[in-house]
Full PDB file with SEQRES, HELIX, SHEET, SSBOND, CRYST1, ORIGX, SCALE, CONECT and MASTER records, all heavy atoms in Angstrom:
SEQRES   1 A   35  ILE VAL SER ILE ILE GLY PRO ASN GLY ALA GLY LYS THR          
SEQRES   2 A   35  THR VAL PHE ASN LEU ILE THR GLY LEU TYR ARG PRO SER          
SEQRES   3 A   35  SER GLY ASP ILE ARG LEU ALA GLY GLN                          
HELIX    1 AA1 LYS A   12  ILE A   19  1                                   8    
CRYST1    1.000    1.000    1.000  90.00  90.00  90.00 P 1           1          
ORIGX1      1.000000  0.000000  0.000000        0.00000                         
ORIGX2      0.000000  1.000000  0.000000        0.00000                         
ORIGX3      0.000000  0.000000  1.000000        0.00000                         
SCALE1      1.000000  0.000000  0.000000        0.00000                         
SCALE2      0.000000  1.000000  0.000000        0.00000                         
SCALE3      0.000000  0.000000  1.000000        0.00000                         
ATOM      1  N   ILE A   1      41.093 269.317  69.390  1.00  0.00           N  
ATOM      2  CA  ILE A   1      42.397 269.813  69.807  1.00  0.00           C  
ATOM      3  C   ILE A   1      43.261 269.807  68.552  1.00  0.00           C  
ATOM      4  O   ILE A   1      43.557 268.746  68.005  1.00  0.00           O  
ATOM      5  CB  ILE A   1      43.041 268.942  70.899  1.00  0.00           C  
ATOM      6  CG1 ILE A   1      42.182 268.947  72.172  1.00  0.00           C  
ATOM      7  CG2 ILE A   1      44.453 269.434  71.217  1.00  0.00           C  
ATOM      8  CD1 ILE A   1      42.702 268.035  73.270  1.00  0.00           C  
ATOM      9  N   VAL A   2      43.624 270.977  68.086  1.00  0.00           N  
ATOM     10  CA  VAL A   2      44.396 271.122  66.848  1.00  0.00           C  
ATOM     11  C   VAL A   2      45.753 271.721  67.196  1.00  0.00           C  
ATOM     12  O   VAL A   2      45.840 272.701  67.944  1.00  0.00           O  
ATOM     13  CB  VAL A   2      43.663 272.018  65.827  1.00  0.00           C  
ATOM     14  CG1 VAL A   2      44.529 272.257  64.593  1.00  0.00           C  
ATOM     15  CG2 VAL A   2      42.338 271.386  65.432  1.00  0.00           C  
ATOM     16  N   SER A   3      46.808 271.130  66.668  1.00  0.00           N  
ATOM     17  CA  SER A   3      48.159 271.623  66.920  1.00  0.00           C  
ATOM     18  C   SER A   3      48.741 272.250  65.665  1.00  0.00           C  
ATOM     19  O   SER A   3      48.542 271.752  64.559  1.00  0.00           O  
ATOM     20  CB  SER A   3      49.073 270.480  67.370  1.00  0.00           C  
ATOM     21  OG  SER A   3      48.678 269.973  68.626  1.00  0.00           O  
ATOM     22  N   ILE A   4      49.459 273.358  65.861  1.00  0.00           N  
ATOM     23  CA  ILE A   4      50.270 273.954  64.803  1.00  0.00           C  
ATOM     24  C   ILE A   4      51.718 273.649  65.141  1.00  0.00           C  
ATOM     25  O   ILE A   4      52.208 274.013  66.208  1.00  0.00           O  
ATOM     26  CB  ILE A   4      50.064 275.472  64.708  1.00  0.00           C  
ATOM     27  CG1 ILE A   4      48.594 275.818  64.470  1.00  0.00           C  
ATOM     28  CG2 ILE A   4      50.928 276.060  63.595  1.00  0.00           C  
ATOM     29  CD1 ILE A   4      48.309 277.309  64.448  1.00  0.00           C  
ATOM     30  N   ILE A   5      52.410 272.959  64.239  1.00  0.00           N  
ATOM     31  CA  ILE A   5      53.802 272.605  64.485  1.00  0.00           C  
ATOM     32  C   ILE A   5      54.664 273.105  63.328  1.00  0.00           C  
ATOM     33  O   ILE A   5      54.156 273.506  62.280  1.00  0.00           O  
ATOM     34  CB  ILE A   5      53.988 271.084  64.681  1.00  0.00           C  
ATOM     35  CG1 ILE A   5      53.711 270.321  63.375  1.00  0.00           C  
ATOM     36  CG2 ILE A   5      53.110 270.566  65.807  1.00  0.00           C  
ATOM     37  CD1 ILE A   5      54.083 268.829  63.457  1.00  0.00           C  
ATOM     38  N   GLY A   6      55.958 273.050  63.538  1.00  0.00           N  
ATOM     39  CA  GLY A   6      56.899 273.467  62.513  1.00  0.00           C  
ATOM     40  C   GLY A   6      58.207 273.879  63.154  1.00  0.00           C  
ATOM     41  O   GLY A   6      58.267 274.153  64.359  1.00  0.00           O  
ATOM     42  N   PRO A   7      59.278 273.948  62.365  1.00  0.00           N  
ATOM     43  CA  PRO A   7      60.584 274.347  62.900  1.00  0.00           C  
ATOM     44  C   PRO A   7      60.553 275.773  63.434  1.00  0.00           C  
ATOM     45  O   PRO A   7      59.607 276.535  63.195  1.00  0.00           O  
ATOM     46  CB  PRO A   7      61.516 274.242  61.678  1.00  0.00           C  
ATOM     47  CG  PRO A   7      60.764 273.445  60.666  1.00  0.00           C  
ATOM     48  CD  PRO A   7      59.314 273.674  60.926  1.00  0.00           C  
ATOM     49  N   ASN A   8      61.604 276.157  64.148  1.00  0.00           N  
ATOM     50  CA  ASN A   8      61.714 277.534  64.618  1.00  0.00           C  
ATOM     51  C   ASN A   8      61.644 278.495  63.435  1.00  0.00           C  
ATOM     52  O   ASN A   8      62.249 278.248  62.387  1.00  0.00           O  
ATOM     53  CB  ASN A   8      63.036 277.745  65.368  1.00  0.00           C  
ATOM     54  CG  ASN A   8      63.060 277.031  66.706  1.00  0.00           C  
ATOM     55  OD1 ASN A   8      62.022 276.815  67.316  1.00  0.00           O  
ATOM     56  ND2 ASN A   8      64.244 276.649  67.155  1.00  0.00           N  
ATOM     57  N   GLY A   9      60.900 279.593  63.618  1.00  0.00           N  
ATOM     58  CA  GLY A   9      60.776 280.563  62.547  1.00  0.00           C  
ATOM     59  C   GLY A   9      59.766 280.202  61.482  1.00  0.00           C  
ATOM     60  O   GLY A   9      59.694 280.850  60.435  1.00  0.00           O  
ATOM     61  N   ALA A  10      58.937 279.184  61.759  1.00  0.00           N  
ATOM     62  CA  ALA A  10      57.972 278.725  60.754  1.00  0.00           C  
ATOM     63  C   ALA A  10      56.768 279.650  60.623  1.00  0.00           C  
ATOM     64  O   ALA A  10      56.016 279.554  59.658  1.00  0.00           O  
ATOM     65  CB  ALA A  10      57.502 277.308  61.087  1.00  0.00           C  
ATOM     66  N   GLY A  11      56.556 280.515  61.613  1.00  0.00           N  
ATOM     67  CA  GLY A  11      55.421 281.436  61.561  1.00  0.00           C  
ATOM     68  C   GLY A  11      54.290 281.085  62.501  1.00  0.00           C  
ATOM     69  O   GLY A  11      53.212 281.680  62.430  1.00  0.00           O  
ATOM     70  N   LYS A  12      54.516 280.152  63.416  1.00  0.00           N  
ATOM     71  CA  LYS A  12      53.449 279.662  64.283  1.00  0.00           C  
ATOM     72  C   LYS A  12      52.900 280.764  65.199  1.00  0.00           C  
ATOM     73  O   LYS A  12      51.690 280.974  65.276  1.00  0.00           O  
ATOM     74  CB  LYS A  12      53.975 278.478  65.116  1.00  0.00           C  
ATOM     75  CG  LYS A  12      54.522 277.322  64.290  1.00  0.00           C  
ATOM     76  CD  LYS A  12      54.979 276.166  65.150  1.00  0.00           C  
ATOM     77  CE  LYS A  12      56.154 276.500  66.054  1.00  0.00           C  
ATOM     78  NZ  LYS A  12      57.398 276.820  65.287  1.00  0.00           N  
ATOM     79  N   THR A  13      53.795 281.443  65.922  1.00  0.00           N  
ATOM     80  CA  THR A  13      53.341 282.490  66.830  1.00  0.00           C  
ATOM     81  C   THR A  13      52.757 283.671  66.064  1.00  0.00           C  
ATOM     82  O   THR A  13      51.817 284.326  66.541  1.00  0.00           O  
ATOM     83  CB  THR A  13      54.497 282.940  67.742  1.00  0.00           C  
ATOM     84  OG1 THR A  13      54.902 281.829  68.565  1.00  0.00           O  
ATOM     85  CG2 THR A  13      54.072 284.080  68.653  1.00  0.00           C  
ATOM     86  N   THR A  14      53.275 283.941  64.866  1.00  0.00           N  
ATOM     87  CA  THR A  14      52.691 285.007  64.036  1.00  0.00           C  
ATOM     88  C   THR A  14      51.240 284.683  63.711  1.00  0.00           C  
ATOM     89  O   THR A  14      50.373 285.564  63.739  1.00  0.00           O  
ATOM     90  CB  THR A  14      53.493 285.188  62.738  1.00  0.00           C  
ATOM     91  OG1 THR A  14      54.847 285.538  63.056  1.00  0.00           O  
ATOM     92  CG2 THR A  14      52.898 286.287  61.868  1.00  0.00           C  
ATOM     93  N   VAL A  15      50.945 283.414  63.421  1.00  0.00           N  
ATOM     94  CA  VAL A  15      49.563 283.010  63.160  1.00  0.00           C  
ATOM     95  C   VAL A  15      48.703 283.264  64.393  1.00  0.00           C  
ATOM     96  O   VAL A  15      47.587 283.793  64.288  1.00  0.00           O  
ATOM     97  CB  VAL A  15      49.501 281.522  62.745  1.00  0.00           C  
ATOM     98  CG1 VAL A  15      48.065 280.999  62.773  1.00  0.00           C  
ATOM     99  CG2 VAL A  15      50.091 281.339  61.351  1.00  0.00           C  
ATOM    100  N   PHE A  16      49.205 282.923  65.581  1.00  0.00           N  
ATOM    101  CA  PHE A  16      48.464 283.201  66.816  1.00  0.00           C  
ATOM    102  C   PHE A  16      48.208 284.699  66.966  1.00  0.00           C  
ATOM    103  O   PHE A  16      47.115 285.123  67.349  1.00  0.00           O  
ATOM    104  CB  PHE A  16      49.250 282.686  68.029  1.00  0.00           C  
ATOM    105  CG  PHE A  16      48.829 281.318  68.503  1.00  0.00           C  
ATOM    106  CD1 PHE A  16      48.417 280.348  67.605  1.00  0.00           C  
ATOM    107  CD2 PHE A  16      48.855 280.985  69.840  1.00  0.00           C  
ATOM    108  CE1 PHE A  16      48.034 279.084  68.031  1.00  0.00           C  
ATOM    109  CE2 PHE A  16      48.474 279.727  70.296  1.00  0.00           C  
ATOM    110  CZ  PHE A  16      48.068 278.784  69.381  1.00  0.00           C  
ATOM    111  N   ASN A  17      49.227 285.506  66.682  1.00  0.00           N  
ATOM    112  CA  ASN A  17      49.082 286.957  66.825  1.00  0.00           C  
ATOM    113  C   ASN A  17      48.083 287.517  65.822  1.00  0.00           C  
ATOM    114  O   ASN A  17      47.391 288.499  66.119  1.00  0.00           O  
ATOM    115  CB  ASN A  17      50.437 287.638  66.653  1.00  0.00           C  
ATOM    116  CG  ASN A  17      51.375 287.381  67.822  1.00  0.00           C  
ATOM    117  OD1 ASN A  17      50.935 287.045  68.921  1.00  0.00           O  
ATOM    118  ND2 ASN A  17      52.666 287.535  67.591  1.00  0.00           N  
ATOM    119  N   LEU A  18      47.984 286.904  64.662  1.00  0.00           N  
ATOM    120  CA  LEU A  18      46.989 287.319  63.669  1.00  0.00           C  
ATOM    121  C   LEU A  18      45.579 286.956  64.134  1.00  0.00           C  
ATOM    122  O   LEU A  18      44.643 287.750  64.020  1.00  0.00           O  
ATOM    123  CB  LEU A  18      47.284 286.666  62.321  1.00  0.00           C  
ATOM    124  CG  LEU A  18      48.523 287.184  61.582  1.00  0.00           C  
ATOM    125  CD1 LEU A  18      48.909 286.223  60.468  1.00  0.00           C  
ATOM    126  CD2 LEU A  18      48.268 288.569  61.009  1.00  0.00           C  
ATOM    127  N   ILE A  19      45.424 285.754  64.672  1.00  0.00           N  
ATOM    128  CA  ILE A  19      44.108 285.300  65.122  1.00  0.00           C  
ATOM    129  C   ILE A  19      43.596 286.166  66.270  1.00  0.00           C  
ATOM    130  O   ILE A  19      42.410 286.509  66.327  1.00  0.00           O  
ATOM    131  CB  ILE A  19      44.164 283.822  65.557  1.00  0.00           C  
ATOM    132  CG1 ILE A  19      44.480 282.913  64.352  1.00  0.00           C  
ATOM    133  CG2 ILE A  19      42.841 283.386  66.194  1.00  0.00           C  
ATOM    134  CD1 ILE A  19      44.776 281.468  64.746  1.00  0.00           C  
ATOM    135  N   THR A  20      44.499 286.548  67.177  1.00  0.00           N  
ATOM    136  CA  THR A  20      44.089 287.264  68.384  1.00  0.00           C  
ATOM    137  C   THR A  20      44.079 288.775  68.230  1.00  0.00           C  
ATOM    138  O   THR A  20      43.806 289.498  69.195  1.00  0.00           O  
ATOM    139  CB  THR A  20      45.001 286.880  69.567  1.00  0.00           C  
ATOM    140  OG1 THR A  20      46.371 287.121  69.207  1.00  0.00           O  
ATOM    141  CG2 THR A  20      44.824 285.418  69.927  1.00  0.00           C  
ATOM    142  N   GLY A  21      44.378 289.286  67.042  1.00  0.00           N  
ATOM    143  CA  GLY A  21      44.261 290.713  66.791  1.00  0.00           C  
ATOM    144  C   GLY A  21      45.483 291.544  67.113  1.00  0.00           C  
ATOM    145  O   GLY A  21      45.447 292.770  66.989  1.00  0.00           O  
ATOM    146  N   LEU A  22      46.593 290.899  67.522  1.00  0.00           N  
ATOM    147  CA  LEU A  22      47.823 291.652  67.754  1.00  0.00           C  
ATOM    148  C   LEU A  22      48.406 292.145  66.434  1.00  0.00           C  
ATOM    149  O   LEU A  22      49.022 293.215  66.378  1.00  0.00           O  
ATOM    150  CB  LEU A  22      48.846 290.780  68.502  1.00  0.00           C  
ATOM    151  CG  LEU A  22      48.523 290.487  69.968  1.00  0.00           C  
ATOM    152  CD1 LEU A  22      49.539 289.518  70.548  1.00  0.00           C  
ATOM    153  CD2 LEU A  22      48.495 291.766  70.791  1.00  0.00           C  
ATOM    154  N   TYR A  23      48.253 291.352  65.378  1.00  0.00           N  
ATOM    155  CA  TYR A  23      48.626 291.759  64.026  1.00  0.00           C  
ATOM    156  C   TYR A  23      47.375 291.747  63.153  1.00  0.00           C  
ATOM    157  O   TYR A  23      46.433 290.994  63.419  1.00  0.00           O  
ATOM    158  CB  TYR A  23      49.638 290.797  63.401  1.00  0.00           C  
ATOM    159  CG  TYR A  23      50.977 290.693  64.082  1.00  0.00           C  
ATOM    160  CD1 TYR A  23      51.737 289.531  63.947  1.00  0.00           C  
ATOM    161  CD2 TYR A  23      51.496 291.737  64.848  1.00  0.00           C  
ATOM    162  CE1 TYR A  23      52.977 289.414  64.543  1.00  0.00           C  
ATOM    163  CE2 TYR A  23      52.730 291.620  65.462  1.00  0.00           C  
ATOM    164  CZ  TYR A  23      53.472 290.457  65.309  1.00  0.00           C  
ATOM    165  OH  TYR A  23      54.697 290.344  65.911  1.00  0.00           O  
ATOM    166  N   ARG A  24      47.401 292.546  62.108  1.00  0.00           N  
ATOM    167  CA  ARG A  24      46.338 292.521  61.113  1.00  0.00           C  
ATOM    168  C   ARG A  24      46.897 291.881  59.849  1.00  0.00           C  
ATOM    169  O   ARG A  24      47.968 292.269  59.377  1.00  0.00           O  
ATOM    170  CB  ARG A  24      45.828 293.930  60.810  1.00  0.00           C  
ATOM    171  CG  ARG A  24      44.695 293.934  59.792  1.00  0.00           C  
ATOM    172  CD  ARG A  24      44.014 295.275  59.717  1.00  0.00           C  
ATOM    173  NE  ARG A  24      42.882 295.230  58.794  1.00  0.00           N  
ATOM    174  CZ  ARG A  24      41.871 296.082  58.814  1.00  0.00           C  
ATOM    175  NH1 ARG A  24      41.857 297.044  59.731  1.00  0.00           N  
ATOM    176  NH2 ARG A  24      40.891 295.983  57.951  1.00  0.00           N  
ATOM    177  N   PRO A  25      46.195 290.911  59.261  1.00  0.00           N  
ATOM    178  CA  PRO A  25      46.711 290.261  58.053  1.00  0.00           C  
ATOM    179  C   PRO A  25      46.896 291.256  56.913  1.00  0.00           C  
ATOM    180  O   PRO A  25      46.129 292.217  56.773  1.00  0.00           O  
ATOM    181  CB  PRO A  25      45.623 289.241  57.709  1.00  0.00           C  
ATOM    182  CG  PRO A  25      44.854 289.032  58.961  1.00  0.00           C  
ATOM    183  CD  PRO A  25      44.907 290.337  59.689  1.00  0.00           C  
ATOM    184  N   SER A  26      47.924 291.009  56.090  1.00  0.00           N  
ATOM    185  CA  SER A  26      48.097 291.802  54.873  1.00  0.00           C  
ATOM    186  C   SER A  26      47.013 291.452  53.866  1.00  0.00           C  
ATOM    187  O   SER A  26      46.585 292.288  53.078  1.00  0.00           O  
ATOM    188  CB  SER A  26      49.486 291.544  54.275  1.00  0.00           C  
ATOM    189  OG  SER A  26      50.501 291.839  55.227  1.00  0.00           O  
ATOM    190  N   SER A  27      46.574 290.196  53.892  1.00  0.00           N  
ATOM    191  CA  SER A  27      45.462 289.741  53.057  1.00  0.00           C  
ATOM    192  C   SER A  27      44.884 288.473  53.663  1.00  0.00           C  
ATOM    193  O   SER A  27      45.483 287.857  54.534  1.00  0.00           O  
ATOM    194  CB  SER A  27      45.929 289.481  51.617  1.00  0.00           C  
ATOM    195  OG  SER A  27      46.921 288.466  51.581  1.00  0.00           O  
ATOM    196  N   GLY A  28      43.701 288.082  53.181  1.00  0.00           N  
ATOM    197  CA  GLY A  28      43.035 286.894  53.701  1.00  0.00           C  
ATOM    198  C   GLY A  28      42.032 287.248  54.781  1.00  0.00           C  
ATOM    199  O   GLY A  28      41.862 288.407  55.146  1.00  0.00           O  
ATOM    200  N   ASP A  29      41.375 286.229  55.313  1.00  0.00           N  
ATOM    201  CA  ASP A  29      40.331 286.444  56.311  1.00  0.00           C  
ATOM    202  C   ASP A  29      40.460 285.423  57.429  1.00  0.00           C  
ATOM    203  O   ASP A  29      40.916 284.289  57.218  1.00  0.00           O  
ATOM    204  CB  ASP A  29      38.951 286.335  55.656  1.00  0.00           C  
ATOM    205  CG  ASP A  29      37.839 286.921  56.531  1.00  0.00           C  
ATOM    206  OD1 ASP A  29      38.161 287.618  57.509  1.00  0.00           O  
ATOM    207  OD2 ASP A  29      36.657 286.672  56.229  1.00  0.00           O  
ATOM    208  N   ILE A  30      40.065 285.846  58.622  1.00  0.00           N  
ATOM    209  CA  ILE A  30      40.019 284.974  59.797  1.00  0.00           C  
ATOM    210  C   ILE A  30      38.620 285.091  60.381  1.00  0.00           C  
ATOM    211  O   ILE A  30      38.170 286.195  60.695  1.00  0.00           O  
ATOM    212  CB  ILE A  30      41.063 285.390  60.850  1.00  0.00           C  
ATOM    213  CG1 ILE A  30      42.477 285.328  60.254  1.00  0.00           C  
ATOM    214  CG2 ILE A  30      40.965 284.483  62.088  1.00  0.00           C  
ATOM    215  CD1 ILE A  30      43.545 285.921  61.158  1.00  0.00           C  
ATOM    216  N   ARG A  31      37.929 283.959  60.522  1.00  0.00           N  
ATOM    217  CA  ARG A  31      36.548 283.983  60.998  1.00  0.00           C  
ATOM    218  C   ARG A  31      36.386 283.095  62.233  1.00  0.00           C  
ATOM    219  O   ARG A  31      36.911 281.978  62.278  1.00  0.00           O  
ATOM    220  CB  ARG A  31      35.601 283.510  59.892  1.00  0.00           C  
ATOM    221  CG  ARG A  31      35.576 284.425  58.675  1.00  0.00           C  
ATOM    222  CD  ARG A  31      34.602 283.929  57.616  1.00  0.00           C  
ATOM    223  NE  ARG A  31      35.028 282.674  57.007  1.00  0.00           N  
ATOM    224  CZ  ARG A  31      35.873 282.602  55.983  1.00  0.00           C  
ATOM    225  NH1 ARG A  31      36.395 283.699  55.450  1.00  0.00           N  
ATOM    226  NH2 ARG A  31      36.205 281.431  55.470  1.00  0.00           N  
ATOM    227  N   LEU A  32      35.663 283.615  63.200  1.00  0.00           N  
ATOM    228  CA  LEU A  32      35.290 282.847  64.391  1.00  0.00           C  
ATOM    229  C   LEU A  32      33.785 282.684  64.363  1.00  0.00           C  
ATOM    230  O   LEU A  32      33.050 283.684  64.354  1.00  0.00           O  
ATOM    231  CB  LEU A  32      35.733 283.564  65.661  1.00  0.00           C  
ATOM    232  CG  LEU A  32      35.465 282.826  66.978  1.00  0.00           C  
ATOM    233  CD1 LEU A  32      36.328 281.571  67.077  1.00  0.00           C  
ATOM    234  CD2 LEU A  32      35.712 283.746  68.180  1.00  0.00           C  
ATOM    235  N   ALA A  33      33.322 281.449  64.311  1.00  0.00           N  
ATOM    236  CA  ALA A  33      31.887 281.156  64.210  1.00  0.00           C  
ATOM    237  C   ALA A  33      31.255 281.905  63.041  1.00  0.00           C  
ATOM    238  O   ALA A  33      30.141 282.427  63.145  1.00  0.00           O  
ATOM    239  CB  ALA A  33      31.179 281.487  65.517  1.00  0.00           C  
ATOM    240  N   GLY A  34      31.986 281.982  61.945  1.00  0.00           N  
ATOM    241  CA  GLY A  34      31.462 282.585  60.730  1.00  0.00           C  
ATOM    242  C   GLY A  34      31.603 284.081  60.635  1.00  0.00           C  
ATOM    243  O   GLY A  34      31.305 284.677  59.582  1.00  0.00           O  
ATOM    244  N   GLN A  35      32.068 284.754  61.707  1.00  0.00           N  
ATOM    245  CA  GLN A  35      32.209 286.208  61.708  1.00  0.00           C  
ATOM    246  C   GLN A  35      33.677 286.604  61.641  1.00  0.00           C  
ATOM    247  O   GLN A  35      34.503 286.080  62.393  1.00  0.00           O  
ATOM    248  CB  GLN A  35      31.574 286.806  62.960  1.00  0.00           C  
ATOM    249  CG  GLN A  35      30.062 286.626  63.024  1.00  0.00           C  
ATOM    250  CD  GLN A  35      29.449 287.346  64.216  1.00  0.00           C  
ATOM    251  OE1 GLN A  35      29.952 287.239  65.329  1.00  0.00           O  
ATOM    252  NE2 GLN A  35      28.378 288.078  63.989  1.00  0.00           N  
TER     253      GLN A  35                                                      
MASTER        0    0    0    1    0    0    0    6  252    1    0    3          
END                                                                             
């Protein structure tokens, strides 16, 4: 169980949206089970 915390506007929900495909990263990679 991993938590992402931070003040309002820290980027937490943006990270969720990147992981789930709502946004596409400008750079970097996101892998699930190595893919």
